[in-house]
Every structure is written in structure tokens, then in C-alpha cells.
Amino acid sequence: MFCRLGLQARQHYRVVNLWEVDVEVAFNPALKALPPFSPLLKGGSQEPVTKFWG
């Protein structure tokens, strides 16, 4: 996408299937955005995980 000034902006992304990611990843302190998605992660519907957030 070009604008009048000749600048170009690109966004690179990667699709991640949350149901294929282990729930332990959500508890990594470096990934602060994942805990709300823990029920969607692989193993996130298990009782110990849901009690942690409850």
C-alpha cells in the first residue's frame, strides 16, 4: 500500500490456532496477554486451570 509520500507500511503476522497451544504457555510471566484465553488453549478446560482463574 503506497501513499503520496512514497512510504510503504507492512504488517507481518502468523496465524496461531489457540486450541493447539498448551495451556502452560498462558502461565508464562512474559506472555501477559494470554491468561484470558486459557480456556481456549489445549487443556484449558481442565478443572485445575479453571479453578486457578475462579
PDB file of N, CA and C in Angstrom:
ATOM      1  N   MET A   1       0.848  -1.173   0.000  1.00  0.00           N
ATOM      2  CA  MET A   1       0.000   0.000   0.000  1.00  0.00           C
ATOM      3  C   MET A   1       0.895   1.238   0.000  1.00  0.00           C
ATOM      4  N   PHE A   2       0.729   2.069  -0.982  1.00  0.00           N
ATOM      5  CA  PHE A   2       1.563   3.263  -1.107  1.00  0.00           C
ATOM      6  C   PHE A   2       0.741   4.508  -0.830  1.00  0.00           C
ATOM      7  N   CYS A   3       1.366   5.504  -0.258  1.00  0.00           N
ATOM      8  CA  CYS A   3       0.710   6.795  -0.077  1.00  0.00           C
ATOM      9  C   CYS A   3       1.426   7.814  -0.958  1.00  0.00           C
ATOM     10  N   ARG A   4       1.002   9.009  -0.901  1.00  0.00           N
ATOM     11  CA  ARG A   4       1.535  10.055  -1.781  1.00  0.00           C
ATOM     12  C   ARG A   4       3.011  10.354  -1.514  1.00  0.00           C
ATOM     13  N   LEU A   5       3.497  10.086  -0.330  1.00  0.00           N
ATOM     14  CA  LEU A   5       4.881  10.384   0.008  1.00  0.00           C
ATOM     15  C   LEU A   5       5.834   9.263  -0.382  1.00  0.00           C
ATOM     16  N   GLY A   6       5.304   8.197  -0.932  1.00  0.00           N
ATOM     17  CA  GLY A   6       6.148   7.084  -1.317  1.00  0.00           C
ATOM     18  C   GLY A   6       6.490   6.145  -0.172  1.00  0.00           C
ATOM     19  N   LEU A   7       5.828   6.314   0.959  1.00  0.00           N
ATOM     20  CA  LEU A   7       6.067   5.442   2.099  1.00  0.00           C
ATOM     21  C   LEU A   7       5.232   4.173   1.967  1.00  0.00           C
ATOM     22  N   GLN A   8       5.741   3.112   2.529  1.00  0.00           N
ATOM     23  CA  GLN A   8       5.045   1.839   2.461  1.00  0.00           C
ATOM     24  C   GLN A   8       4.986   1.236   3.862  1.00  0.00           C
ATOM     25  N   ALA A   9       3.826   0.734   4.239  1.00  0.00           N
ATOM     26  CA  ALA A   9       3.663   0.093   5.545  1.00  0.00           C
ATOM     27  C   ALA A   9       3.294  -1.373   5.329  1.00  0.00           C
ATOM     28  N   ARG A  10       3.950  -2.249   6.090  1.00  0.00           N
ATOM     29  CA  ARG A  10       3.660  -3.682   6.011  1.00  0.00           C
ATOM     30  C   ARG A  10       3.443  -4.221   7.414  1.00  0.00           C
ATOM     31  N   GLN A  11       2.595  -5.201   7.504  1.00  0.00           N
ATOM     32  CA  GLN A  11       2.363  -5.880   8.772  1.00  0.00           C
ATOM     33  C   GLN A  11       2.533  -7.375   8.548  1.00  0.00           C
ATOM     34  N   HIS A  12       3.456  -7.965   9.251  1.00  0.00           N
ATOM     35  CA  HIS A  12       3.684  -9.400   9.158  1.00  0.00           C
ATOM     36  C   HIS A  12       2.995 -10.058  10.348  1.00  0.00           C
ATOM     37  N   TYR A  13       2.320 -11.140  10.099  1.00  0.00           N
ATOM     38  CA  TYR A  13       1.641 -11.846  11.169  1.00  0.00           C
ATOM     39  C   TYR A  13       1.668 -13.342  10.903  1.00  0.00           C
ATOM     40  N   ARG A  14       1.382 -14.075  11.932  1.00  0.00           N
ATOM     41  CA  ARG A  14       1.324 -15.529  11.840  1.00  0.00           C
ATOM     42  C   ARG A  14       0.043 -15.984  12.527  1.00  0.00           C
ATOM     43  N   VAL A  15      -0.706 -16.832  11.880  1.00  0.00           N
ATOM     44  CA  VAL A  15      -1.938 -17.360  12.456  1.00  0.00           C
ATOM     45  C   VAL A  15      -1.579 -18.438  13.469  1.00  0.00           C
ATOM     46  N   VAL A  16      -2.159 -18.340  14.652  1.00  0.00           N
ATOM     47  CA  VAL A  16      -1.916 -19.315  15.707  1.00  0.00           C
ATOM     48  C   VAL A  16      -3.257 -19.930  16.097  1.00  0.00           C
ATOM     49  N   ASN A  17      -3.366 -21.230  15.985  1.00  0.00           N
ATOM     50  CA  ASN A  17      -4.561 -21.935  16.431  1.00  0.00           C
ATOM     51  C   ASN A  17      -4.444 -22.138  17.937  1.00  0.00           C
ATOM     52  N   LEU A  18      -5.217 -21.375  18.705  1.00  0.00           N
ATOM     53  CA  LEU A  18      -5.092 -21.410  20.157  1.00  0.00           C
ATOM     54  C   LEU A  18      -5.363 -22.791  20.734  1.00  0.00           C
ATOM     55  N   TRP A  19      -6.251 -23.545  20.136  1.00  0.00           N
ATOM     56  CA  TRP A  19      -6.583 -24.877  20.640  1.00  0.00           C
ATOM     57  C   TRP A  19      -5.446 -25.869  20.462  1.00  0.00           C
ATOM     58  N   GLU A  20      -4.386 -25.477  19.723  1.00  0.00           N
ATOM     59  CA  GLU A  20      -3.221 -26.336  19.543  1.00  0.00           C
ATOM     60  C   GLU A  20      -2.056 -25.945  20.456  1.00  0.00           C
ATOM     61  N   VAL A  21      -2.216 -24.867  21.222  1.00  0.00           N
ATOM     62  CA  VAL A  21      -1.169 -24.373  22.121  1.00  0.00           C
ATOM     63  C   VAL A  21      -1.452 -24.895  23.526  1.00  0.00           C
ATOM     64  N   ASP A  22      -0.453 -25.478  24.182  1.00  0.00           N
ATOM     65  CA  ASP A  22      -0.632 -25.992  25.542  1.00  0.00           C
ATOM     66  C   ASP A  22      -0.940 -24.857  26.512  1.00  0.00           C
ATOM     67  N   VAL A  23      -1.811 -25.133  27.459  1.00  0.00           N
ATOM     68  CA  VAL A  23      -2.259 -24.118  28.411  1.00  0.00           C
ATOM     69  C   VAL A  23      -1.117 -23.614  29.297  1.00  0.00           C
ATOM     70  N   GLU A  24      -0.069 -24.403  29.488  1.00  0.00           N
ATOM     71  CA  GLU A  24       1.058 -23.968  30.316  1.00  0.00           C
ATOM     72  C   GLU A  24       1.710 -22.698  29.773  1.00  0.00           C
ATOM     73  N   VAL A  25       1.598 -22.490  28.478  1.00  0.00           N
ATOM     74  CA  VAL A  25       2.171 -21.286  27.856  1.00  0.00           C
ATOM     75  C   VAL A  25       1.506 -20.029  28.410  1.00  0.00           C
ATOM     76  N   ALA A  26       0.234 -20.105  28.738  1.00  0.00           N
ATOM     77  CA  ALA A  26      -0.502 -18.941  29.238  1.00  0.00           C
ATOM     78  C   ALA A  26       0.010 -18.471  30.593  1.00  0.00           C
ATOM     79  N   PHE A  27       0.656 -19.360  31.340  1.00  0.00           N
ATOM     80  CA  PHE A  27       1.136 -19.008  32.674  1.00  0.00           C
ATOM     81  C   PHE A  27       2.578 -18.512  32.666  1.00  0.00           C
ATOM     82  N   ASN A  28       3.145 -18.311  31.481  1.00  0.00           N
ATOM     83  CA  ASN A  28       4.484 -17.742  31.348  1.00  0.00           C
ATOM     84  C   ASN A  28       4.395 -16.253  31.672  1.00  0.00           C
ATOM     85  N   PRO A  29       5.157 -15.748  32.646  1.00  0.00           N
ATOM     86  CA  PRO A  29       5.078 -14.328  33.018  1.00  0.00           C
ATOM     87  C   PRO A  29       5.383 -13.366  31.868  1.00  0.00           C
ATOM     88  N   ALA A  30       6.131 -13.807  30.882  1.00  0.00           N
ATOM     89  CA  ALA A  30       6.481 -12.924  29.767  1.00  0.00           C
ATOM     90  C   ALA A  30       5.305 -12.727  28.798  1.00  0.00           C
ATOM     91  N   LEU A  31       4.315 -13.594  28.854  1.00  0.00           N
ATOM     92  CA  LEU A  31       3.164 -13.520  27.945  1.00  0.00           C
ATOM     93  C   LEU A  31       1.926 -13.077  28.716  1.00  0.00           C
ATOM     94  N   LYS A  32       1.860 -11.816  29.045  1.00  0.00           N
ATOM     95  CA  LYS A  32       0.797 -11.298  29.908  1.00  0.00           C
ATOM     96  C   LYS A  32      -0.566 -11.226  29.226  1.00  0.00           C
ATOM     97  N   ALA A  33      -0.620 -11.319  27.910  1.00  0.00           N
ATOM     98  CA  ALA A  33      -1.897 -11.206  27.205  1.00  0.00           C
ATOM     99  C   ALA A  33      -2.622 -12.543  27.076  1.00  0.00           C
ATOM    100  N   LEU A  34      -1.968 -13.663  27.362  1.00  0.00           N
ATOM    101  CA  LEU A  34      -2.577 -14.974  27.144  1.00  0.00           C
ATOM    102  C   LEU A  34      -3.498 -15.494  28.250  1.00  0.00           C
ATOM    103  N   PRO A  35      -3.331 -15.172  29.515  1.00  0.00           N
ATOM    104  CA  PRO A  35      -4.192 -15.769  30.537  1.00  0.00           C
ATOM    105  C   PRO A  35      -5.695 -15.686  30.264  1.00  0.00           C
ATOM    106  N   PRO A  36      -6.238 -14.598  29.758  1.00  0.00           N
ATOM    107  CA  PRO A  36      -7.684 -14.590  29.492  1.00  0.00           C
ATOM    108  C   PRO A  36      -8.115 -15.619  28.443  1.00  0.00           C
ATOM    109  N   PHE A  37      -7.185 -16.060  27.617  1.00  0.00           N
ATOM    110  CA  PHE A  37      -7.505 -17.037  26.579  1.00  0.00           C
ATOM    111  C   PHE A  37      -7.270 -18.475  27.030  1.00  0.00           C
ATOM    112  N   SER A  38      -6.871 -18.687  28.289  1.00  0.00           N
ATOM    113  CA  SER A  38      -6.525 -20.033  28.750  1.00  0.00           C
ATOM    114  C   SER A  38      -7.651 -21.056  28.565  1.00  0.00           C
ATOM    115  N   PRO A  39      -8.933 -20.705  28.705  1.00  0.00           N
ATOM    116  CA  PRO A  39      -9.970 -21.720  28.445  1.00  0.00           C
ATOM    117  C   PRO A  39      -9.988 -22.206  26.995  1.00  0.00           C
ATOM    118  N   LEU A  40      -9.465 -21.414  26.083  1.00  0.00           N
ATOM    119  CA  LEU A  40      -9.452 -21.797  24.673  1.00  0.00           C
ATOM    120  C   LEU A  40      -8.240 -22.638  24.307  1.00  0.00           C
ATOM    121  N   LEU A  41      -7.227 -22.626  25.153  1.00  0.00           N
ATOM    122  CA  LEU A  41      -5.995 -23.342  24.858  1.00  0.00           C
ATOM    123  C   LEU A  41      -6.152 -24.838  25.115  1.00  0.00           C
ATOM    124  N   LYS A  42      -5.246 -25.614  24.553  1.00  0.00           N
ATOM    125  CA  LYS A  42      -5.257 -27.077  24.716  1.00  0.00           C
ATOM    126  C   LYS A  42      -5.088 -27.419  26.197  1.00  0.00           C
ATOM    127  N   GLY A  43      -6.074 -28.086  26.765  1.00  0.00           N
ATOM    128  CA  GLY A  43      -6.053 -28.432  28.178  1.00  0.00           C
ATOM    129  C   GLY A  43      -6.593 -27.336  29.075  1.00  0.00           C
ATOM    130  N   GLY A  44      -7.072 -26.255  28.521  1.00  0.00           N
ATOM    131  CA  GLY A  44      -7.545 -25.126  29.317  1.00  0.00           C
ATOM    132  C   GLY A  44      -8.886 -25.342  29.985  1.00  0.00           C
ATOM    133  N   SER A  45      -9.612 -26.354  29.576  1.00  0.00           N
ATOM    134  CA  SER A  45     -10.914 -26.605  30.197  1.00  0.00           C
ATOM    135  C   SER A  45     -10.808 -27.560  31.376  1.00  0.00           C
ATOM    136  N   GLN A  46      -9.590 -27.987  31.718  1.00  0.00           N
ATOM    137  CA  GLN A  46      -9.396 -28.889  32.850  1.00  0.00           C
ATOM    138  C   GLN A  46      -9.672 -28.160  34.161  1.00  0.00           C
ATOM    139  N   GLU A  47     -10.132 -28.875  35.129  1.00  0.00           N
ATOM    140  CA  GLU A  47     -10.555 -28.282  36.399  1.00  0.00           C
ATOM    141  C   GLU A  47      -9.477 -27.456  37.103  1.00  0.00           C
ATOM    142  N   PRO A  48      -8.212 -27.925  37.222  1.00  0.00           N
ATOM    143  CA  PRO A  48      -7.207 -27.099  37.918  1.00  0.00           C
ATOM    144  C   PRO A  48      -6.995 -25.732  37.260  1.00  0.00           C
ATOM    145  N   VAL A  49      -7.072 -25.678  35.953  1.00  0.00           N
ATOM    146  CA  VAL A  49      -6.867 -24.402  35.258  1.00  0.00           C
ATOM    147  C   VAL A  49      -8.038 -23.473  35.513  1.00  0.00           C
ATOM    148  N   THR A  50      -9.255 -23.983  35.423  1.00  0.00           N
ATOM    149  CA  THR A  50     -10.429 -23.131  35.633  1.00  0.00           C
ATOM    150  C   THR A  50     -10.526 -22.692  37.094  1.00  0.00           C
ATOM    151  N   LYS A  51     -10.079 -23.514  38.053  1.00  0.00           N
ATOM    152  CA  LYS A  51     -10.093 -23.107  39.464  1.00  0.00           C
ATOM    153  C   LYS A  51      -9.051 -22.021  39.727  1.00  0.00           C
ATOM    154  N   PHE A  52      -7.934 -22.062  38.989  1.00  0.00           N
ATOM    155  CA  PHE A  52      -6.898 -21.034  39.157  1.00  0.00           C
ATOM    156  C   PHE A  52      -7.464 -19.649  38.872  1.00  0.00           C
ATOM    157  N   TRP A  53      -8.307 -19.541  37.867  1.00  0.00           N
ATOM    158  CA  TRP A  53      -8.882 -18.246  37.483  1.00  0.00           C
ATOM    159  C   TRP A  53     -10.156 -17.933  38.215  1.00  0.00           C
ATOM    160  N   GLY A  54     -10.753 -18.891  38.882  1.00  0.00           N
ATOM    161  CA  GLY A  54     -12.028 -18.688  39.558  1.00  0.00           C
ATOM    162  C   GLY A  54     -11.862 -18.181  40.905  1.00  0.00           C
TER     163      GLY A  54
END
